[in-house]
Amino acid sequence: MALQIGSALEEAGYRLFSRTGGILLAAFLALIVSLQALLNTILATTVTRMGYGEVTAAMPLTFDIPLTVAGAGIAVSSVVSLYLTIVSFRTFVAGARTSFPEGAFTRNVPLAMVNVLVGGLVYGLLVFIGSILLIIPGIFAYVVFIFMAPYIIAEDRNFIAALKTSYRLTEGDRIALFGLLFIVVVAAGLLGGVIGLLSPLVLSGPASQLPTIVLQPLLSLYSTAVIAVAFEQLRESGGRPPSAPSEDDTTMSAL
C-alpha cells in the first residue's frame, strides 16, 4: 500500500484521541505551561530591571524565582520535551492506543536523544541550505528526510543511517508525502491564526492565552501522529515488517 493521504490524516486522529494520546497530550500541555511561565519569568524580570514594572504586573504565568533558576528550568524542559517526543513517536508508530508499547519509555533513550538532536541539526541545515537555493531544494530536503526521527526512535538507527533510509523510503511517494505535509502545515497555520485572533476578543486577561497554549501541543502531537502513520504505511508498502533493518544500515551502536 502506497501513501494514502486521507487514511493517514484519519488514523492519526484516532491515535491522538486515544488513552495513550490523551496522556501524552496532558504531559505536553503541562510542559508547555511550565515552559511559558519560565519564559515569562525571564521576560518579566528583565523588563522590571529596565524600569518597566507596570508591564510586569500585567504579565500572567510568572514564577518568583531567580533568572538562573528559570534558565535551568528551560534547559530541563527542553530535555523533557525531547524525551516526550521519543515516547510519542514510539507510541504512534506502534499504533498503541490503550497502553504504551514495551520499551517506549526506556529503550536506548540517551542514544536516541543524541541522535535526534544531532540529526535534527543536520536535517535543519539541509533544509536551510536547500531553501537558500531557490526554495525548491529546501522543500525537497524537508520531504525526503522527514522520516529521520521515526527511524532513529522506532528502529534504533543512528542519524546517518536514518537520513539515508528516509531518502530511500520516500522514493515514489514524494509528491503524495508533500501533499500530506502541506495539508497539515496549512491547516495548523490557519487554525492557529484563527484561535490567536479570536482569543483576545472572546477572553480577557491571562485567560486569552489559554486556547493558544492548549492548541500548541495538540497540533504538535497530531503532526507527530501523521508522520508516524505515513512512516508505517510506506514501510508496509516496501514489504518490510516494522524494525527490520536493511542490509547496509547500522544501528545506534555506531553512534
C-alpha atoms as a PDB file:
ATOM      1  CA  MET A   1       0.000   0.000   0.000  1.00  0.00           C
ATOM      2  CA  ALA A   2       1.404   3.367  -1.056  1.00  0.00           C
ATOM      3  CA  LEU A   3       0.848   6.512   0.951  1.00  0.00           C
ATOM      4  CA  GLN A   4      -2.871   7.200   1.471  1.00  0.00           C
ATOM      5  CA  ILE A   5      -3.342  10.847   2.482  1.00  0.00           C
ATOM      6  CA  GLY A   6      -6.923  10.619   3.720  1.00  0.00           C
ATOM      7  CA  SER A   7      -6.255   7.428   5.635  1.00  0.00           C
ATOM      8  CA  ALA A   8      -3.124   8.889   7.237  1.00  0.00           C
ATOM      9  CA  LEU A   9      -4.964  12.008   8.419  1.00  0.00           C
ATOM     10  CA  GLU A  10      -7.846   9.960   9.807  1.00  0.00           C
ATOM     11  CA  GLU A  11      -5.720   7.318  11.503  1.00  0.00           C
ATOM     12  CA  ALA A  12      -3.511   9.994  13.077  1.00  0.00           C
ATOM     13  CA  GLY A  13      -6.634  11.454  14.680  1.00  0.00           C
ATOM     14  CA  TYR A  14      -7.623   8.054  16.073  1.00  0.00           C
ATOM     15  CA  ARG A  15      -4.182   7.551  17.567  1.00  0.00           C
ATOM     16  CA  LEU A  16      -4.064  11.023  19.070  1.00  0.00           C
ATOM     17  CA  PHE A  17      -7.559  10.913  20.580  1.00  0.00           C
ATOM     18  CA  SER A  18      -6.968   7.691  22.473  1.00  0.00           C
ATOM     19  CA  ARG A  19      -5.916   6.818  26.011  1.00  0.00           C
ATOM     20  CA  THR A  20      -2.195   6.956  25.245  1.00  0.00           C
ATOM     21  CA  GLY A  21      -2.634  10.067  23.108  1.00  0.00           C
ATOM     22  CA  GLY A  22      -4.541  11.775  25.909  1.00  0.00           C
ATOM     23  CA  ILE A  23      -1.786  11.005  28.409  1.00  0.00           C
ATOM     24  CA  LEU A  24       0.853  12.365  26.046  1.00  0.00           C
ATOM     25  CA  LEU A  25      -1.237  15.470  25.382  1.00  0.00           C
ATOM     26  CA  ALA A  26      -1.626  16.115  29.114  1.00  0.00           C
ATOM     27  CA  ALA A  27       2.133  15.707  29.626  1.00  0.00           C
ATOM     28  CA  PHE A  28       2.957  18.083  26.777  1.00  0.00           C
ATOM     29  CA  LEU A  29       0.376  20.579  27.995  1.00  0.00           C
ATOM     30  CA  ALA A  30       1.893  20.615  31.484  1.00  0.00           C
ATOM     31  CA  LEU A  31       5.316  21.058  29.912  1.00  0.00           C
ATOM     32  CA  ILE A  32       4.152  23.937  27.683  1.00  0.00           C
ATOM     33  CA  VAL A  33       2.520  25.750  30.614  1.00  0.00           C
ATOM     34  CA  SER A  34       5.665  25.391  32.703  1.00  0.00           C
ATOM     35  CA  LEU A  35       7.912  26.491  29.851  1.00  0.00           C
ATOM     36  CA  GLN A  36       5.715  29.519  29.114  1.00  0.00           C
ATOM     37  CA  ALA A  37       5.821  30.503  32.776  1.00  0.00           C
ATOM     38  CA  LEU A  38       9.605  30.234  32.815  1.00  0.00           C
ATOM     39  CA  LEU A  39       9.925  32.348  29.664  1.00  0.00           C
ATOM     40  CA  ASN A  40       7.506  34.919  31.088  1.00  0.00           C
ATOM     41  CA  THR A  41       9.521  34.975  34.290  1.00  0.00           C
ATOM     42  CA  ILE A  42      12.730  35.799  32.421  1.00  0.00           C
ATOM     43  CA  LEU A  43      10.961  38.483  30.392  1.00  0.00           C
ATOM     44  CA  ALA A  44       9.244  39.979  33.446  1.00  0.00           C
ATOM     45  CA  THR A  45      12.469  40.090  35.464  1.00  0.00           C
ATOM     46  CA  THR A  46      14.358  41.698  32.596  1.00  0.00           C
ATOM     47  CA  VAL A  47      11.650  44.294  31.965  1.00  0.00           C
ATOM     48  CA  THR A  48      11.437  45.120  35.673  1.00  0.00           C
ATOM     49  CA  ARG A  49      15.182  45.715  35.839  1.00  0.00           C
ATOM     50  CA  MET A  50      14.788  48.109  32.920  1.00  0.00           C
ATOM     51  CA  GLY A  51      12.300  50.143  34.962  1.00  0.00           C
ATOM     52  CA  TYR A  52       9.017  48.996  33.452  1.00  0.00           C
ATOM     53  CA  GLY A  53       7.451  47.325  36.456  1.00  0.00           C
ATOM     54  CA  GLU A  54       3.900  48.133  35.337  1.00  0.00           C
ATOM     55  CA  VAL A  55       4.368  45.801  32.368  1.00  0.00           C
ATOM     56  CA  THR A  56       5.438  43.004  34.681  1.00  0.00           C
ATOM     57  CA  ALA A  57       2.373  43.446  36.879  1.00  0.00           C
ATOM     58  CA  ALA A  58       0.109  42.690  33.927  1.00  0.00           C
ATOM     59  CA  MET A  59       2.066  39.645  32.769  1.00  0.00           C
ATOM     60  CA  PRO A  60       0.486  36.259  33.608  1.00  0.00           C
ATOM     61  CA  LEU A  61       2.151  32.933  34.395  1.00  0.00           C
ATOM     62  CA  THR A  62       5.325  34.005  36.173  1.00  0.00           C
ATOM     63  CA  PHE A  63       7.395  32.452  38.962  1.00  0.00           C
ATOM     64  CA  ASP A  64       9.094  34.337  41.754  1.00  0.00           C
ATOM     65  CA  ILE A  65      12.488  32.754  41.103  1.00  0.00           C
ATOM     66  CA  PRO A  66      15.973  33.984  40.075  1.00  0.00           C
ATOM     67  CA  LEU A  67      16.924  34.209  36.410  1.00  0.00           C
ATOM     68  CA  THR A  68      19.466  31.406  36.777  1.00  0.00           C
ATOM     69  CA  VAL A  69      16.807  29.042  38.113  1.00  0.00           C
ATOM     70  CA  ALA A  70      14.433  29.987  35.307  1.00  0.00           C
ATOM     71  CA  GLY A  71      17.183  29.386  32.749  1.00  0.00           C
ATOM     72  CA  ALA A  72      17.954  25.987  34.251  1.00  0.00           C
ATOM     73  CA  GLY A  73      14.244  25.172  34.166  1.00  0.00           C
ATOM     74  CA  ILE A  74      14.104  25.954  30.446  1.00  0.00           C
ATOM     75  CA  ALA A  75      17.073  23.658  29.829  1.00  0.00           C
ATOM     76  CA  VAL A  76      15.404  20.837  31.756  1.00  0.00           C
ATOM     77  CA  SER A  77      12.127  21.453  29.920  1.00  0.00           C
ATOM     78  CA  SER A  78      13.936  21.092  26.593  1.00  0.00           C
ATOM     79  CA  VAL A  79      15.278  17.689  27.621  1.00  0.00           C
ATOM     80  CA  VAL A  80      11.839  16.600  28.833  1.00  0.00           C
ATOM     81  CA  SER A  81      10.304  17.766  25.542  1.00  0.00           C
ATOM     82  CA  LEU A  82      12.787  15.657  23.568  1.00  0.00           C
ATOM     83  CA  TYR A  83      12.069  12.659  25.796  1.00  0.00           C
ATOM     84  CA  LEU A  84       8.303  13.023  25.331  1.00  0.00           C
ATOM     85  CA  THR A  85       8.830  13.278  21.574  1.00  0.00           C
ATOM     86  CA  ILE A  86      10.649   9.941  21.637  1.00  0.00           C
ATOM     87  CA  VAL A  87       7.840   8.333  23.633  1.00  0.00           C
ATOM     88  CA  SER A  88       5.246   9.851  21.288  1.00  0.00           C
ATOM     89  CA  PHE A  89       6.829   8.534  18.097  1.00  0.00           C
ATOM     90  CA  ARG A  90       7.248   5.044  19.558  1.00  0.00           C
ATOM     91  CA  THR A  91       3.624   5.038  20.682  1.00  0.00           C
ATOM     92  CA  PHE A  92       2.131   6.375  17.452  1.00  0.00           C
ATOM     93  CA  VAL A  93       4.295   4.233  15.145  1.00  0.00           C
ATOM     94  CA  ALA A  94       3.243   1.150  17.096  1.00  0.00           C
ATOM     95  CA  GLY A  95      -0.411   2.203  16.885  1.00  0.00           C
ATOM     96  CA  ALA A  96      -0.728   1.715  20.651  1.00  0.00           C
ATOM     97  CA  ARG A  97      -3.984   3.335  21.747  1.00  0.00           C
ATOM     98  CA  THR A  98      -4.811   1.735  25.104  1.00  0.00           C
ATOM     99  CA  SER A  99      -1.350   1.155  26.594  1.00  0.00           C
ATOM    100  CA  PHE A 100       2.177   2.230  25.779  1.00  0.00           C
ATOM    101  CA  PRO A 101       4.346  -0.225  23.810  1.00  0.00           C
ATOM    102  CA  GLU A 102       7.128  -2.100  25.529  1.00  0.00           C
ATOM    103  CA  GLY A 103      10.295  -0.041  25.799  1.00  0.00           C
ATOM    104  CA  ALA A 104       8.600   3.227  24.851  1.00  0.00           C
ATOM    105  CA  PHE A 105       9.931   4.959  27.973  1.00  0.00           C
ATOM    106  CA  THR A 106      13.270   3.238  28.437  1.00  0.00           C
ATOM    107  CA  ARG A 107      14.776   1.678  25.289  1.00  0.00           C
ATOM    108  CA  ASN A 108      18.029   3.362  24.211  1.00  0.00           C
ATOM    109  CA  VAL A 109      16.772   6.752  25.390  1.00  0.00           C
ATOM    110  CA  PRO A 110      20.162   8.530  25.779  1.00  0.00           C
ATOM    111  CA  LEU A 111      21.369   7.383  22.344  1.00  0.00           C
ATOM    112  CA  ALA A 112      18.040   8.255  20.782  1.00  0.00           C
ATOM    113  CA  MET A 113      18.222  11.745  22.286  1.00  0.00           C
ATOM    114  CA  VAL A 114      21.741  12.340  20.985  1.00  0.00           C
ATOM    115  CA  ASN A 115      20.898  11.069  17.507  1.00  0.00           C
ATOM    116  CA  VAL A 116      17.640  13.024  17.282  1.00  0.00           C
ATOM    117  CA  LEU A 117      19.384  16.183  18.455  1.00  0.00           C
ATOM    118  CA  VAL A 118      22.391  15.890  16.131  1.00  0.00           C
ATOM    119  CA  GLY A 119      20.287  14.540  13.274  1.00  0.00           C
ATOM    120  CA  GLY A 120      17.786  17.346  13.762  1.00  0.00           C
ATOM    121  CA  LEU A 121      20.548  19.921  13.422  1.00  0.00           C
ATOM    122  CA  VAL A 122      21.806  18.235  10.243  1.00  0.00           C
ATOM    123  CA  TYR A 123      18.259  17.972   8.882  1.00  0.00           C
ATOM    124  CA  GLY A 124      17.577  21.619   9.640  1.00  0.00           C
ATOM    125  CA  LEU A 125      20.841  22.633   7.983  1.00  0.00           C
ATOM    126  CA  LEU A 126      19.997  20.649   4.850  1.00  0.00           C
ATOM    127  CA  VAL A 127      16.577  22.275   4.636  1.00  0.00           C
ATOM    128  CA  PHE A 128      18.070  25.730   5.273  1.00  0.00           C
ATOM    129  CA  ILE A 129      20.747  25.352   2.612  1.00  0.00           C
ATOM    130  CA  GLY A 130      18.191  23.984   0.178  1.00  0.00           C
ATOM    131  CA  SER A 131      15.858  26.892   0.910  1.00  0.00           C
ATOM    132  CA  ILE A 132      18.611  29.360   0.034  1.00  0.00           C
ATOM    133  CA  LEU A 133      18.916  27.592  -3.327  1.00  0.00           C
ATOM    134  CA  LEU A 134      15.621  28.870  -4.753  1.00  0.00           C
ATOM    135  CA  ILE A 135      13.308  27.238  -2.140  1.00  0.00           C
ATOM    136  CA  ILE A 136      12.538  24.017  -4.082  1.00  0.00           C
ATOM    137  CA  PRO A 137      15.647  22.109  -2.875  1.00  0.00           C
ATOM    138  CA  GLY A 138      14.711  23.042   0.689  1.00  0.00           C
ATOM    139  CA  ILE A 139      11.211  21.631   0.263  1.00  0.00           C
ATOM    140  CA  PHE A 140      12.716  18.503  -1.316  1.00  0.00           C
ATOM    141  CA  ALA A 141      15.074  18.029   1.658  1.00  0.00           C
ATOM    142  CA  TYR A 142      12.216  18.592   4.113  1.00  0.00           C
ATOM    143  CA  VAL A 143      10.138  15.875   2.458  1.00  0.00           C
ATOM    144  CA  VAL A 144      12.745  13.195   1.715  1.00  0.00           C
ATOM    145  CA  PHE A 145      14.335  13.310   5.190  1.00  0.00           C
ATOM    146  CA  ILE A 146      11.083  13.670   7.154  1.00  0.00           C
ATOM    147  CA  PHE A 147      11.326  10.091   8.475  1.00  0.00           C
ATOM    148  CA  MET A 148      14.752  10.547  10.027  1.00  0.00           C
ATOM    149  CA  ALA A 149      13.285  10.878  13.540  1.00  0.00           C
ATOM    150  CA  PRO A 150      10.959   7.837  13.273  1.00  0.00           C
ATOM    151  CA  TYR A 151      13.847   5.670  12.074  1.00  0.00           C
ATOM    152  CA  ILE A 152      16.044   6.803  14.974  1.00  0.00           C
ATOM    153  CA  ILE A 153      13.307   6.481  17.581  1.00  0.00           C
ATOM    154  CA  ALA A 154      11.308   3.471  16.408  1.00  0.00           C
ATOM    155  CA  GLU A 155      14.069   1.371  14.822  1.00  0.00           C
ATOM    156  CA  ASP A 156      17.118   2.476  16.836  1.00  0.00           C
ATOM    157  CA  ARG A 157      19.087   3.702  13.793  1.00  0.00           C
ATOM    158  CA  ASN A 158      21.842   6.286  14.032  1.00  0.00           C
ATOM    159  CA  PHE A 159      21.060   9.594  12.361  1.00  0.00           C
ATOM    160  CA  ILE A 160      23.239   8.951   9.302  1.00  0.00           C
ATOM    161  CA  ALA A 161      21.522   5.653   8.533  1.00  0.00           C
ATOM    162  CA  ALA A 162      18.157   7.257   9.326  1.00  0.00           C
ATOM    163  CA  LEU A 163      18.715  10.045   6.802  1.00  0.00           C
ATOM    164  CA  LYS A 164      19.750   7.584   4.083  1.00  0.00           C
ATOM    165  CA  THR A 165      16.869   5.201   4.780  1.00  0.00           C
ATOM    166  CA  SER A 166      14.332   8.024   4.900  1.00  0.00           C
ATOM    167  CA  TYR A 167      15.533   9.146   1.465  1.00  0.00           C
ATOM    168  CA  ARG A 168      15.009   5.640   0.075  1.00  0.00           C
ATOM    169  CA  LEU A 169      11.655   5.143   1.793  1.00  0.00           C
ATOM    170  CA  THR A 170      10.136   8.262   0.222  1.00  0.00           C
ATOM    171  CA  GLU A 171      11.037   7.261  -3.345  1.00  0.00           C
ATOM    172  CA  GLY A 172       7.899   7.050  -5.470  1.00  0.00           C
ATOM    173  CA  ASP A 173       5.698   8.785  -2.887  1.00  0.00           C
ATOM    174  CA  ARG A 174       7.322  12.184  -2.552  1.00  0.00           C
ATOM    175  CA  ILE A 175       4.574  14.164  -4.244  1.00  0.00           C
ATOM    176  CA  ALA A 176       1.890  12.497  -2.113  1.00  0.00           C
ATOM    177  CA  LEU A 177       4.020  12.988   1.006  1.00  0.00           C
ATOM    178  CA  PHE A 178       4.485  16.655   0.160  1.00  0.00           C
ATOM    179  CA  GLY A 179       0.718  16.969  -0.229  1.00  0.00           C
ATOM    180  CA  LEU A 180       0.146  15.357   3.155  1.00  0.00           C
ATOM    181  CA  LEU A 181       2.651  17.601   4.925  1.00  0.00           C
ATOM    182  CA  PHE A 182       1.310  20.662   3.105  1.00  0.00           C
ATOM    183  CA  ILE A 183      -2.226  19.933   4.314  1.00  0.00           C
ATOM    184  CA  VAL A 184      -1.058  19.528   7.914  1.00  0.00           C
ATOM    185  CA  VAL A 185       1.114  22.662   7.908  1.00  0.00           C
ATOM    186  CA  VAL A 186      -1.507  24.869   6.248  1.00  0.00           C
ATOM    187  CA  ALA A 187      -4.352  23.579   8.426  1.00  0.00           C
ATOM    188  CA  ALA A 188      -2.272  24.085  11.579  1.00  0.00           C
ATOM    189  CA  GLY A 189      -1.313  27.591  10.491  1.00  0.00           C
ATOM    190  CA  LEU A 190      -4.886  28.582   9.693  1.00  0.00           C
ATOM    191  CA  LEU A 191      -6.273  27.119  12.904  1.00  0.00           C
ATOM    192  CA  GLY A 192      -3.550  28.748  14.984  1.00  0.00           C
ATOM    193  CA  GLY A 193      -4.149  32.095  13.285  1.00  0.00           C
ATOM    194  CA  VAL A 194      -7.898  31.983  13.858  1.00  0.00           C
ATOM    195  CA  ILE A 195      -7.525  30.966  17.513  1.00  0.00           C
ATOM    196  CA  GLY A 196      -4.873  33.622  18.081  1.00  0.00           C
ATOM    197  CA  LEU A 197      -7.130  36.267  16.540  1.00  0.00           C
ATOM    198  CA  LEU A 198     -10.345  35.313  18.316  1.00  0.00           C
ATOM    199  CA  SER A 199      -8.988  34.503  21.781  1.00  0.00           C
ATOM    200  CA  PRO A 200      -8.361  38.140  22.864  1.00  0.00           C
ATOM    201  CA  LEU A 201     -11.821  39.077  21.574  1.00  0.00           C
ATOM    202  CA  VAL A 202     -13.636  36.347  23.489  1.00  0.00           C
ATOM    203  CA  LEU A 203     -11.468  36.070  26.603  1.00  0.00           C
ATOM    204  CA  SER A 204      -9.802  38.751  28.683  1.00  0.00           C
ATOM    205  CA  GLY A 205      -6.575  38.954  30.640  1.00  0.00           C
ATOM    206  CA  PRO A 206      -4.436  35.839  31.143  1.00  0.00           C
ATOM    207  CA  ALA A 207      -7.295  33.591  30.004  1.00  0.00           C
ATOM    208  CA  SER A 208      -6.823  34.840  26.428  1.00  0.00           C
ATOM    209  CA  GLN A 209      -3.555  32.876  26.250  1.00  0.00           C
ATOM    210  CA  LEU A 210      -5.186  29.587  27.275  1.00  0.00           C
ATOM    211  CA  PRO A 211      -6.560  28.485  23.854  1.00  0.00           C
ATOM    212  CA  THR A 212      -3.172  29.047  22.194  1.00  0.00           C
ATOM    213  CA  ILE A 213      -1.357  27.169  24.959  1.00  0.00           C
ATOM    214  CA  VAL A 214      -3.735  24.202  24.612  1.00  0.00           C
ATOM    215  CA  LEU A 215      -3.641  24.274  20.806  1.00  0.00           C
ATOM    216  CA  GLN A 216       0.154  24.187  20.543  1.00  0.00           C
ATOM    217  CA  PRO A 217       0.748  20.671  21.962  1.00  0.00           C
ATOM    218  CA  LEU A 218      -2.408  19.403  20.247  1.00  0.00           C
ATOM    219  CA  LEU A 219      -1.191  20.443  16.796  1.00  0.00           C
ATOM    220  CA  SER A 220       2.341  19.264  17.510  1.00  0.00           C
ATOM    221  CA  LEU A 221       1.196  15.818  18.616  1.00  0.00           C
ATOM    222  CA  TYR A 222      -1.175  15.482  15.682  1.00  0.00           C
ATOM    223  CA  SER A 223       1.682  16.298  13.298  1.00  0.00           C
ATOM    224  CA  THR A 224       3.785  13.638  15.023  1.00  0.00           C
ATOM    225  CA  ALA A 225       0.956  11.126  14.642  1.00  0.00           C
ATOM    226  CA  VAL A 226       0.562  11.954  10.930  1.00  0.00           C
ATOM    227  CA  ILE A 227       4.277  11.421  10.286  1.00  0.00           C
ATOM    228  CA  ALA A 228       4.184   8.173  12.286  1.00  0.00           C
ATOM    229  CA  VAL A 229       1.213   6.820  10.311  1.00  0.00           C
ATOM    230  CA  ALA A 230       2.764   7.822   6.964  1.00  0.00           C
ATOM    231  CA  PHE A 231       6.000   6.153   8.068  1.00  0.00           C
ATOM    232  CA  GLU A 232       4.124   2.968   8.897  1.00  0.00           C
ATOM    233  CA  GLN A 233       2.230   2.979   5.583  1.00  0.00           C
ATOM    234  CA  LEU A 234       5.379   3.364   3.493  1.00  0.00           C
ATOM    235  CA  ARG A 235       7.283   0.712   5.426  1.00  0.00           C
ATOM    236  CA  GLU A 236       4.446  -1.726   4.821  1.00  0.00           C
ATOM    237  CA  SER A 237       4.297  -0.844   1.120  1.00  0.00           C
ATOM    238  CA  GLY A 238       8.013  -1.680   0.905  1.00  0.00           C
ATOM    239  CA  GLY A 239       7.283  -5.212   2.114  1.00  0.00           C
ATOM    240  CA  ARG A 240       9.349  -4.811   5.264  1.00  0.00           C
ATOM    241  CA  PRO A 241       7.965  -5.513   8.739  1.00  0.00           C
ATOM    242  CA  PRO A 242       8.495  -2.845  11.407  1.00  0.00           C
ATOM    243  CA  SER A 243      12.016  -2.630  12.846  1.00  0.00           C
ATOM    244  CA  ALA A 244      13.519  -4.885  10.183  1.00  0.00           C
ATOM    245  CA  PRO A 245      16.916  -3.387   9.273  1.00  0.00           C
ATOM    246  CA  SER A 246      18.083  -3.256   5.683  1.00  0.00           C
ATOM    247  CA  GLU A 247      21.381  -4.801   4.655  1.00  0.00           C
ATOM    248  CA  ASP A 248      23.539  -1.696   4.687  1.00  0.00           C
ATOM    249  CA  ASP A 249      22.018   0.165   7.648  1.00  0.00           C
ATOM    250  CA  THR A 250      23.686   0.491  11.013  1.00  0.00           C
ATOM    251  CA  THR A 251      22.059   0.745  14.399  1.00  0.00           C
ATOM    252  CA  MET A 252      22.677   3.349  17.048  1.00  0.00           C
ATOM    253  CA  SER A 253      25.517   1.318  18.471  1.00  0.00           C
ATOM    254  CA  ALA A 254      27.624   3.029  15.804  1.00  0.00           C
ATOM    255  CA  LEU A 255      26.660   6.328  17.430  1.00  0.00           C
END
